[in-house]
Amino acid sequence: MTDFRSAVEEVFRRESGRIIAGLIRVSQSFDLAEEAVQDALASALVDWQGNGLPVNPAAWINAVAHRKLIDYARRDQTRRSNQDQLLYETPKSIAPLPVCGHAPAEEMNFPDDRLRLIFTCCHPALNTEAQVGLTLRTLGGLTTTEIARAFLLPEPTLAQRLV
């Protein structure tokens, strides 16, 4: 079991930035891309334990994460198509939930998804420490604990900055 965990951890550290960047390009949503990769990594822990390591673990995680994005899109489409019916059935005293929209992609065309993700992580609206921390976590594969140690900050403080 340790071999599978270490294989998943190695793939995450080495390839997660590239996979997340590609999924952001497809979904135009940082949150959905991160969630899809996390779900794919969780699936890898279960699947690889029973079926063994695939020939190309990074490609396996990328394919599963891409399928997760498709599942999210289908679920969102179903929810949107049924929203009128749900609003009709919702009592008037309960406010309806807003439909989640995805921010449009930046108009700039970057040749590499990781470069686009670097610019996203280093958006001027974020302070410098948050930019560096977010870049290290997303593209560098470092954990919040490791980044907090590097910044000499308590972990909860850094975690709030990265939210």
N, C-alpha and C. Protein backbone atom coordinates (compact mmCIF):
# COMPACT_ATOMS: atom_id res chain seq x y z
N MET A 1 0.83 -1.20 0.00
CA MET A 1 0.00 0.00 0.00
C MET A 1 0.87 1.25 0.00
N THR A 2 1.99 1.20 0.65
CA THR A 2 2.89 2.34 0.68
C THR A 2 3.43 2.66 -0.71
N ASP A 3 3.68 1.62 -1.52
CA ASP A 3 4.18 1.84 -2.88
C ASP A 3 3.19 2.65 -3.71
N PHE A 4 1.90 2.36 -3.55
CA PHE A 4 0.88 3.07 -4.32
C PHE A 4 0.78 4.52 -3.85
N ARG A 5 0.84 4.70 -2.54
CA ARG A 5 0.78 6.07 -2.02
C ARG A 5 1.99 6.88 -2.48
N SER A 6 3.16 6.27 -2.43
CA SER A 6 4.36 7.00 -2.85
C SER A 6 4.33 7.26 -4.36
N ALA A 7 3.77 6.33 -5.13
CA ALA A 7 3.65 6.56 -6.58
C ALA A 7 2.69 7.71 -6.86
N VAL A 8 1.56 7.75 -6.15
CA VAL A 8 0.60 8.84 -6.33
C VAL A 8 1.23 10.15 -5.91
N GLU A 9 1.94 10.14 -4.79
CA GLU A 9 2.60 11.37 -4.32
C GLU A 9 3.64 11.85 -5.31
N GLU A 10 4.42 10.93 -5.86
CA GLU A 10 5.45 11.31 -6.84
C GLU A 10 4.82 11.91 -8.09
N VAL A 11 3.75 11.28 -8.58
CA VAL A 11 3.08 11.81 -9.77
C VAL A 11 2.49 13.18 -9.46
N PHE A 12 1.92 13.34 -8.27
CA PHE A 12 1.35 14.63 -7.90
C PHE A 12 2.42 15.70 -7.88
N ARG A 13 3.53 15.43 -7.24
CA ARG A 13 4.60 16.44 -7.14
C ARG A 13 5.19 16.78 -8.51
N ARG A 14 5.34 15.77 -9.35
CA ARG A 14 6.02 15.96 -10.62
C ARG A 14 5.09 16.52 -11.70
N GLU A 15 3.84 16.07 -11.73
CA GLU A 15 2.98 16.36 -12.87
C GLU A 15 1.73 17.18 -12.57
N SER A 16 1.42 17.44 -11.30
CA SER A 16 0.15 18.10 -11.00
C SER A 16 0.05 19.49 -11.60
N GLY A 17 1.14 20.24 -11.61
CA GLY A 17 1.10 21.58 -12.20
C GLY A 17 0.73 21.55 -13.67
N ARG A 18 1.33 20.62 -14.41
CA ARG A 18 1.04 20.50 -15.84
C ARG A 18 -0.40 20.04 -16.06
N ILE A 19 -0.84 19.06 -15.26
CA ILE A 19 -2.20 18.54 -15.42
C ILE A 19 -3.22 19.61 -15.06
N ILE A 20 -3.02 20.29 -13.94
CA ILE A 20 -3.96 21.35 -13.53
C ILE A 20 -4.00 22.45 -14.57
N ALA A 21 -2.84 22.85 -15.08
CA ALA A 21 -2.81 23.92 -16.08
C ALA A 21 -3.60 23.52 -17.33
N GLY A 22 -3.45 22.29 -17.77
CA GLY A 22 -4.21 21.83 -18.94
C GLY A 22 -5.70 21.78 -18.68
N LEU A 23 -6.08 21.37 -17.47
CA LEU A 23 -7.50 21.30 -17.13
C LEU A 23 -8.10 22.69 -16.97
N ILE A 24 -7.30 23.65 -16.49
CA ILE A 24 -7.80 25.02 -16.40
C ILE A 24 -8.08 25.56 -17.80
N ARG A 25 -7.20 25.23 -18.75
CA ARG A 25 -7.42 25.68 -20.12
C ARG A 25 -8.74 25.13 -20.66
N VAL A 26 -9.03 23.87 -20.34
CA VAL A 26 -10.25 23.23 -20.84
C VAL A 26 -11.48 23.75 -20.11
N SER A 27 -11.41 23.83 -18.77
CA SER A 27 -12.59 24.16 -17.99
C SER A 27 -12.74 25.64 -17.70
N GLN A 28 -11.66 26.40 -17.83
CA GLN A 28 -11.63 27.82 -17.50
C GLN A 28 -11.98 28.07 -16.03
N SER A 29 -11.69 27.07 -15.19
CA SER A 29 -11.97 27.19 -13.77
C SER A 29 -10.85 26.56 -12.96
N PHE A 30 -10.18 27.38 -12.17
CA PHE A 30 -9.09 26.89 -11.32
C PHE A 30 -9.62 25.88 -10.31
N ASP A 31 -10.76 26.21 -9.68
CA ASP A 31 -11.33 25.35 -8.64
C ASP A 31 -11.72 23.98 -9.19
N LEU A 32 -12.41 23.97 -10.34
CA LEU A 32 -12.82 22.70 -10.92
C LEU A 32 -11.62 21.86 -11.33
N ALA A 33 -10.60 22.49 -11.86
CA ALA A 33 -9.40 21.76 -12.28
C ALA A 33 -8.71 21.13 -11.07
N GLU A 34 -8.56 21.89 -10.00
CA GLU A 34 -7.94 21.34 -8.78
C GLU A 34 -8.78 20.21 -8.21
N GLU A 35 -10.09 20.39 -8.19
CA GLU A 35 -10.97 19.36 -7.65
C GLU A 35 -10.89 18.09 -8.49
N ALA A 36 -10.85 18.24 -9.80
CA ALA A 36 -10.76 17.07 -10.68
C ALA A 36 -9.46 16.31 -10.45
N VAL A 37 -8.36 17.02 -10.29
CA VAL A 37 -7.07 16.35 -10.04
C VAL A 37 -7.09 15.65 -8.68
N GLN A 38 -7.65 16.30 -7.67
CA GLN A 38 -7.72 15.67 -6.35
C GLN A 38 -8.58 14.41 -6.40
N ASP A 39 -9.71 14.47 -7.10
CA ASP A 39 -10.56 13.29 -7.25
C ASP A 39 -9.84 12.19 -8.01
N ALA A 40 -9.08 12.56 -9.03
CA ALA A 40 -8.32 11.56 -9.80
C ALA A 40 -7.24 10.92 -8.94
N LEU A 41 -6.59 11.70 -8.09
CA LEU A 41 -5.58 11.14 -7.20
C LEU A 41 -6.21 10.18 -6.19
N ALA A 42 -7.38 10.54 -5.68
CA ALA A 42 -8.09 9.64 -4.76
C ALA A 42 -8.48 8.35 -5.48
N SER A 43 -8.93 8.46 -6.72
CA SER A 43 -9.26 7.27 -7.51
C SER A 43 -8.03 6.42 -7.75
N ALA A 44 -6.89 7.07 -7.96
CA ALA A 44 -5.64 6.33 -8.19
C ALA A 44 -5.27 5.50 -6.97
N LEU A 45 -5.44 6.06 -5.78
CA LEU A 45 -5.12 5.30 -4.57
C LEU A 45 -5.93 4.02 -4.49
N VAL A 46 -7.20 4.10 -4.86
CA VAL A 46 -8.07 2.93 -4.80
C VAL A 46 -7.77 1.97 -5.95
N ASP A 47 -7.73 2.49 -7.17
CA ASP A 47 -7.58 1.65 -8.36
C ASP A 47 -6.21 0.98 -8.43
N TRP A 48 -5.17 1.71 -8.16
CA TRP A 48 -3.82 1.17 -8.29
C TRP A 48 -3.53 0.09 -7.26
N GLN A 49 -4.21 0.19 -6.12
CA GLN A 49 -4.01 -0.83 -5.10
C GLN A 49 -4.55 -2.17 -5.58
N GLY A 50 -5.67 -2.15 -6.29
CA GLY A 50 -6.27 -3.39 -6.78
C GLY A 50 -5.73 -3.85 -8.11
N ASN A 51 -5.43 -2.91 -9.00
CA ASN A 51 -5.03 -3.26 -10.37
C ASN A 51 -3.55 -3.07 -10.65
N GLY A 52 -2.81 -2.53 -9.71
CA GLY A 52 -1.39 -2.27 -9.93
C GLY A 52 -1.18 -0.93 -10.63
N LEU A 53 0.07 -0.53 -10.70
CA LEU A 53 0.42 0.75 -11.33
C LEU A 53 0.22 0.67 -12.84
N PRO A 54 -0.36 1.71 -13.44
CA PRO A 54 -0.46 1.74 -14.91
C PRO A 54 0.91 2.00 -15.53
N VAL A 55 1.00 1.79 -16.83
CA VAL A 55 2.26 2.01 -17.53
C VAL A 55 2.69 3.47 -17.42
N ASN A 56 1.75 4.38 -17.58
CA ASN A 56 2.04 5.81 -17.50
C ASN A 56 1.12 6.44 -16.45
N PRO A 57 1.53 6.49 -15.19
CA PRO A 57 0.66 7.00 -14.13
C PRO A 57 0.18 8.43 -14.36
N ALA A 58 1.03 9.31 -14.88
CA ALA A 58 0.63 10.70 -15.11
C ALA A 58 -0.48 10.77 -16.16
N ALA A 59 -0.37 9.99 -17.22
CA ALA A 59 -1.41 9.98 -18.25
C ALA A 59 -2.71 9.42 -17.69
N TRP A 60 -2.61 8.42 -16.82
CA TRP A 60 -3.80 7.83 -16.20
C TRP A 60 -4.52 8.89 -15.37
N ILE A 61 -3.77 9.61 -14.53
CA ILE A 61 -4.37 10.65 -13.69
C ILE A 61 -4.94 11.77 -14.55
N ASN A 62 -4.24 12.15 -15.60
CA ASN A 62 -4.73 13.19 -16.51
C ASN A 62 -6.04 12.76 -17.16
N ALA A 63 -6.12 11.52 -17.62
CA ALA A 63 -7.34 11.03 -18.27
C ALA A 63 -8.50 10.98 -17.28
N VAL A 64 -8.25 10.49 -16.08
CA VAL A 64 -9.31 10.42 -15.07
C VAL A 64 -9.77 11.82 -14.67
N ALA A 65 -8.83 12.74 -14.50
CA ALA A 65 -9.19 14.12 -14.14
C ALA A 65 -10.01 14.77 -15.25
N HIS A 66 -9.63 14.50 -16.50
CA HIS A 66 -10.39 15.06 -17.63
C HIS A 66 -11.82 14.50 -17.63
N ARG A 67 -11.96 13.21 -17.35
CA ARG A 67 -13.31 12.61 -17.28
C ARG A 67 -14.10 13.20 -16.12
N LYS A 68 -13.42 13.49 -15.02
CA LYS A 68 -14.11 14.13 -13.88
C LYS A 68 -14.64 15.50 -14.29
N LEU A 69 -13.86 16.25 -15.06
CA LEU A 69 -14.33 17.55 -15.56
C LEU A 69 -15.58 17.38 -16.41
N ILE A 70 -15.58 16.37 -17.26
CA ILE A 70 -16.75 16.10 -18.10
C ILE A 70 -17.95 15.78 -17.21
N ASP A 71 -17.74 14.97 -16.17
CA ASP A 71 -18.82 14.65 -15.24
C ASP A 71 -19.35 15.91 -14.56
N TYR A 72 -18.44 16.80 -14.13
CA TYR A 72 -18.87 18.05 -13.50
C TYR A 72 -19.70 18.89 -14.47
N ALA A 73 -19.26 18.96 -15.72
CA ALA A 73 -19.98 19.76 -16.73
C ALA A 73 -21.37 19.18 -16.97
N ARG A 74 -21.46 17.86 -17.07
CA ARG A 74 -22.77 17.23 -17.27
C ARG A 74 -23.68 17.47 -16.07
N ARG A 75 -23.13 17.35 -14.88
CA ARG A 75 -23.92 17.59 -13.67
C ARG A 75 -24.42 19.03 -13.64
N ASP A 76 -23.54 19.98 -14.00
CA ASP A 76 -23.92 21.39 -14.01
C ASP A 76 -24.99 21.65 -15.07
N GLN A 77 -24.84 21.02 -16.23
CA GLN A 77 -25.83 21.19 -17.30
C GLN A 77 -27.19 20.64 -16.87
N THR A 78 -27.19 19.49 -16.22
CA THR A 78 -28.44 18.90 -15.74
C THR A 78 -29.08 19.81 -14.70
N ARG A 79 -28.26 20.34 -13.80
CA ARG A 79 -28.79 21.23 -12.77
C ARG A 79 -29.38 22.49 -13.40
N ARG A 80 -28.67 23.03 -14.39
CA ARG A 80 -29.18 24.24 -15.05
C ARG A 80 -30.49 23.97 -15.79
N SER A 81 -30.56 22.83 -16.46
CA SER A 81 -31.78 22.54 -17.22
C SER A 81 -32.96 22.26 -16.30
N ASN A 82 -32.68 21.79 -15.10
CA ASN A 82 -33.76 21.51 -14.15
C ASN A 82 -33.99 22.65 -13.16
N GLN A 83 -33.25 23.72 -13.29
CA GLN A 83 -33.34 24.79 -12.31
C GLN A 83 -34.72 25.46 -12.31
N ASP A 84 -35.32 25.66 -13.47
CA ASP A 84 -36.64 26.28 -13.51
C ASP A 84 -37.65 25.44 -12.72
N GLN A 85 -37.59 24.13 -12.91
CA GLN A 85 -38.49 23.25 -12.17
C GLN A 85 -38.19 23.30 -10.68
N LEU A 86 -36.92 23.33 -10.34
CA LEU A 86 -36.54 23.40 -8.93
C LEU A 86 -36.99 24.72 -8.30
N LEU A 87 -36.87 25.82 -9.05
CA LEU A 87 -37.31 27.11 -8.54
C LEU A 87 -38.82 27.14 -8.33
N TYR A 88 -39.54 26.47 -9.22
CA TYR A 88 -40.99 26.42 -9.11
C TYR A 88 -41.39 25.66 -7.85
N GLU A 89 -40.65 24.60 -7.54
CA GLU A 89 -40.98 23.76 -6.39
C GLU A 89 -40.42 24.30 -5.08
N THR A 90 -39.52 25.27 -5.14
CA THR A 90 -38.91 25.82 -3.94
C THR A 90 -39.89 26.76 -3.25
N PRO A 91 -40.08 26.59 -1.96
CA PRO A 91 -40.95 27.54 -1.26
C PRO A 91 -40.40 28.96 -1.39
N LYS A 92 -41.28 29.92 -1.43
CA LYS A 92 -40.88 31.31 -1.64
C LYS A 92 -40.03 31.85 -0.50
N SER A 93 -40.11 31.25 0.68
CA SER A 93 -39.32 31.74 1.81
C SER A 93 -37.85 31.33 1.71
N ILE A 94 -37.54 30.37 0.84
CA ILE A 94 -36.16 29.93 0.68
C ILE A 94 -35.60 30.55 -0.59
N ALA A 95 -34.50 31.26 -0.44
CA ALA A 95 -33.89 31.90 -1.61
C ALA A 95 -33.24 30.83 -2.49
N PRO A 96 -33.39 30.95 -3.81
CA PRO A 96 -32.75 29.98 -4.70
C PRO A 96 -31.24 30.13 -4.70
N LEU A 97 -30.55 29.04 -4.93
CA LEU A 97 -29.10 29.08 -5.03
C LEU A 97 -28.70 29.66 -6.37
N PRO A 98 -27.69 30.49 -6.41
CA PRO A 98 -27.26 31.05 -7.68
C PRO A 98 -26.60 29.98 -8.55
N VAL A 99 -26.73 30.16 -9.85
CA VAL A 99 -26.08 29.25 -10.79
C VAL A 99 -24.61 29.61 -10.83
N CYS A 100 -23.76 28.62 -10.69
CA CYS A 100 -22.31 28.85 -10.71
C CYS A 100 -21.88 29.11 -12.14
N GLY A 101 -21.28 30.23 -12.37
CA GLY A 101 -20.74 30.52 -13.69
C GLY A 101 -19.23 30.43 -13.65
N HIS A 102 -18.65 30.19 -14.77
CA HIS A 102 -17.20 30.11 -14.85
C HIS A 102 -16.69 31.39 -15.49
N ALA A 103 -15.66 31.92 -14.91
CA ALA A 103 -15.07 33.14 -15.44
C ALA A 103 -14.51 32.87 -16.83
N PRO A 104 -14.68 33.80 -17.75
CA PRO A 104 -14.12 33.59 -19.08
C PRO A 104 -12.61 33.53 -19.04
N ALA A 105 -12.04 32.84 -19.98
CA ALA A 105 -10.58 32.72 -20.05
C ALA A 105 -9.97 34.06 -20.39
N GLU A 106 -8.76 34.25 -19.97
CA GLU A 106 -8.04 35.48 -20.31
C GLU A 106 -7.94 35.57 -21.83
N GLU A 107 -7.95 36.77 -22.32
CA GLU A 107 -7.87 36.97 -23.76
C GLU A 107 -6.48 36.69 -24.31
N MET A 108 -5.48 36.72 -23.43
CA MET A 108 -4.11 36.49 -23.89
C MET A 108 -3.93 35.02 -24.26
N ASN A 109 -3.13 34.78 -25.28
CA ASN A 109 -2.88 33.43 -25.74
C ASN A 109 -1.47 33.02 -25.35
N PHE A 110 -1.35 32.09 -24.38
CA PHE A 110 -0.06 31.60 -23.94
C PHE A 110 0.20 30.26 -24.59
N PRO A 111 1.42 30.02 -25.07
CA PRO A 111 1.72 28.77 -25.75
C PRO A 111 1.77 27.57 -24.80
N ASP A 112 1.96 27.81 -23.52
CA ASP A 112 2.11 26.72 -22.56
C ASP A 112 1.09 26.91 -21.44
N ASP A 113 0.38 25.84 -21.09
CA ASP A 113 -0.62 25.93 -20.04
C ASP A 113 -0.01 26.29 -18.69
N ARG A 114 1.21 25.79 -18.44
CA ARG A 114 1.86 26.12 -17.17
C ARG A 114 2.19 27.60 -17.09
N LEU A 115 2.60 28.19 -18.20
CA LEU A 115 2.88 29.62 -18.21
C LEU A 115 1.61 30.41 -17.91
N ARG A 116 0.50 30.00 -18.50
CA ARG A 116 -0.78 30.65 -18.23
C ARG A 116 -1.12 30.54 -16.75
N LEU A 117 -0.86 29.36 -16.16
CA LEU A 117 -1.16 29.15 -14.75
C LEU A 117 -0.25 30.01 -13.86
N ILE A 118 1.00 30.19 -14.26
CA ILE A 118 1.90 31.08 -13.51
C ILE A 118 1.34 32.49 -13.49
N PHE A 119 0.87 32.97 -14.65
CA PHE A 119 0.29 34.32 -14.70
C PHE A 119 -0.99 34.39 -13.88
N THR A 120 -1.76 33.32 -13.85
CA THR A 120 -2.97 33.30 -13.03
C THR A 120 -2.61 33.36 -11.55
N CYS A 121 -1.64 32.55 -11.14
CA CYS A 121 -1.22 32.53 -9.73
C CYS A 121 -0.59 33.86 -9.31
N CYS A 122 0.01 34.57 -10.25
CA CYS A 122 0.69 35.83 -9.95
C CYS A 122 -0.14 37.05 -10.36
N HIS A 123 -1.45 36.91 -10.28
CA HIS A 123 -2.34 38.01 -10.63
C HIS A 123 -2.07 39.20 -9.71
N PRO A 124 -2.05 40.42 -10.26
CA PRO A 124 -1.74 41.61 -9.45
C PRO A 124 -2.72 41.86 -8.30
N ALA A 125 -3.91 41.28 -8.36
CA ALA A 125 -4.87 41.47 -7.27
C ALA A 125 -4.42 40.75 -6.00
N LEU A 126 -3.53 39.78 -6.13
CA LEU A 126 -3.02 39.04 -4.98
C LEU A 126 -1.76 39.71 -4.45
N ASN A 127 -1.56 39.64 -3.13
CA ASN A 127 -0.30 40.17 -2.61
C ASN A 127 0.84 39.22 -2.97
N THR A 128 2.05 39.71 -2.86
CA THR A 128 3.22 38.96 -3.32
C THR A 128 3.36 37.62 -2.61
N GLU A 129 3.15 37.59 -1.30
CA GLU A 129 3.29 36.33 -0.56
C GLU A 129 2.26 35.31 -1.02
N ALA A 130 1.04 35.76 -1.29
CA ALA A 130 0.01 34.84 -1.78
C ALA A 130 0.35 34.34 -3.17
N GLN A 131 0.90 35.22 -4.01
CA GLN A 131 1.30 34.81 -5.36
C GLN A 131 2.36 33.72 -5.31
N VAL A 132 3.39 33.93 -4.49
CA VAL A 132 4.47 32.95 -4.39
C VAL A 132 3.96 31.65 -3.78
N GLY A 133 3.19 31.76 -2.71
CA GLY A 133 2.66 30.57 -2.06
C GLY A 133 1.75 29.76 -2.97
N LEU A 134 0.87 30.44 -3.68
CA LEU A 134 -0.04 29.76 -4.60
C LEU A 134 0.72 29.10 -5.74
N THR A 135 1.75 29.76 -6.24
CA THR A 135 2.56 29.19 -7.31
C THR A 135 3.31 27.96 -6.82
N LEU A 136 3.88 28.04 -5.62
CA LEU A 136 4.60 26.89 -5.07
C LEU A 136 3.67 25.71 -4.84
N ARG A 137 2.46 25.98 -4.37
CA ARG A 137 1.53 24.89 -4.09
C ARG A 137 1.00 24.29 -5.38
N THR A 138 0.63 25.14 -6.33
CA THR A 138 0.00 24.66 -7.55
C THR A 138 0.99 24.07 -8.53
N LEU A 139 2.05 24.78 -8.80
CA LEU A 139 3.00 24.33 -9.81
C LEU A 139 4.20 23.60 -9.21
N GLY A 140 4.54 23.93 -7.98
CA GLY A 140 5.70 23.30 -7.36
C GLY A 140 5.38 22.01 -6.64
N GLY A 141 4.08 21.76 -6.41
CA GLY A 141 3.69 20.53 -5.74
C GLY A 141 4.01 20.49 -4.26
N LEU A 142 4.30 21.65 -3.66
CA LEU A 142 4.60 21.69 -2.24
C LEU A 142 3.31 21.74 -1.44
N THR A 143 3.36 21.21 -0.24
CA THR A 143 2.19 21.24 0.63
C THR A 143 2.14 22.59 1.35
N THR A 144 0.99 22.89 1.91
CA THR A 144 0.83 24.13 2.67
C THR A 144 1.79 24.14 3.85
N THR A 145 1.99 23.00 4.48
CA THR A 145 2.92 22.91 5.61
C THR A 145 4.35 23.25 5.18
N GLU A 146 4.78 22.72 4.05
CA GLU A 146 6.14 22.98 3.56
C GLU A 146 6.32 24.46 3.21
N ILE A 147 5.32 25.05 2.59
CA ILE A 147 5.40 26.46 2.21
C ILE A 147 5.40 27.33 3.47
N ALA A 148 4.57 26.98 4.45
CA ALA A 148 4.52 27.75 5.71
C ALA A 148 5.88 27.71 6.40
N ARG A 149 6.53 26.55 6.40
CA ARG A 149 7.86 26.46 7.01
C ARG A 149 8.85 27.35 6.27
N ALA A 150 8.77 27.38 4.95
CA ALA A 150 9.69 28.21 4.16
C ALA A 150 9.47 29.70 4.43
N PHE A 151 8.21 30.10 4.64
CA PHE A 151 7.89 31.49 4.92
C PHE A 151 8.02 31.83 6.41
N LEU A 152 8.31 30.82 7.23
CA LEU A 152 8.39 30.99 8.69
C LEU A 152 7.08 31.53 9.25
N LEU A 153 5.98 30.95 8.77
CA LEU A 153 4.64 31.35 9.20
C LEU A 153 3.92 30.14 9.78
N PRO A 154 2.94 30.39 10.66
CA PRO A 154 2.10 29.28 11.11
C PRO A 154 1.28 28.76 9.92
N GLU A 155 1.05 27.46 9.89
CA GLU A 155 0.33 26.86 8.78
C GLU A 155 -1.07 27.46 8.57
N PRO A 156 -1.87 27.68 9.64
CA PRO A 156 -3.21 28.27 9.42
C PRO A 156 -3.16 29.65 8.76
N THR A 157 -2.14 30.43 9.10
CA THR A 157 -2.00 31.77 8.50
C THR A 157 -1.77 31.66 7.01
N LEU A 158 -0.85 30.79 6.62
CA LEU A 158 -0.57 30.62 5.19
C LEU A 158 -1.77 30.02 4.47
N ALA A 159 -2.44 29.08 5.11
CA ALA A 159 -3.61 28.46 4.48
C ALA A 159 -4.67 29.50 4.17
N GLN A 160 -4.86 30.48 5.06
CA GLN A 160 -5.83 31.55 4.81
C GLN A 160 -5.41 32.42 3.64
N ARG A 161 -4.11 32.64 3.49
CA ARG A 161 -3.63 33.46 2.39
C ARG A 161 -3.82 32.77 1.04
N LEU A 162 -3.80 31.45 1.06
CA LEU A 162 -3.91 30.70 -0.19
C LEU A 162 -5.35 30.43 -0.59
N VAL A 163 -6.29 30.75 0.27
CA VAL A 163 -7.70 30.47 -0.04
C VAL A 163 -8.24 31.40 -1.03
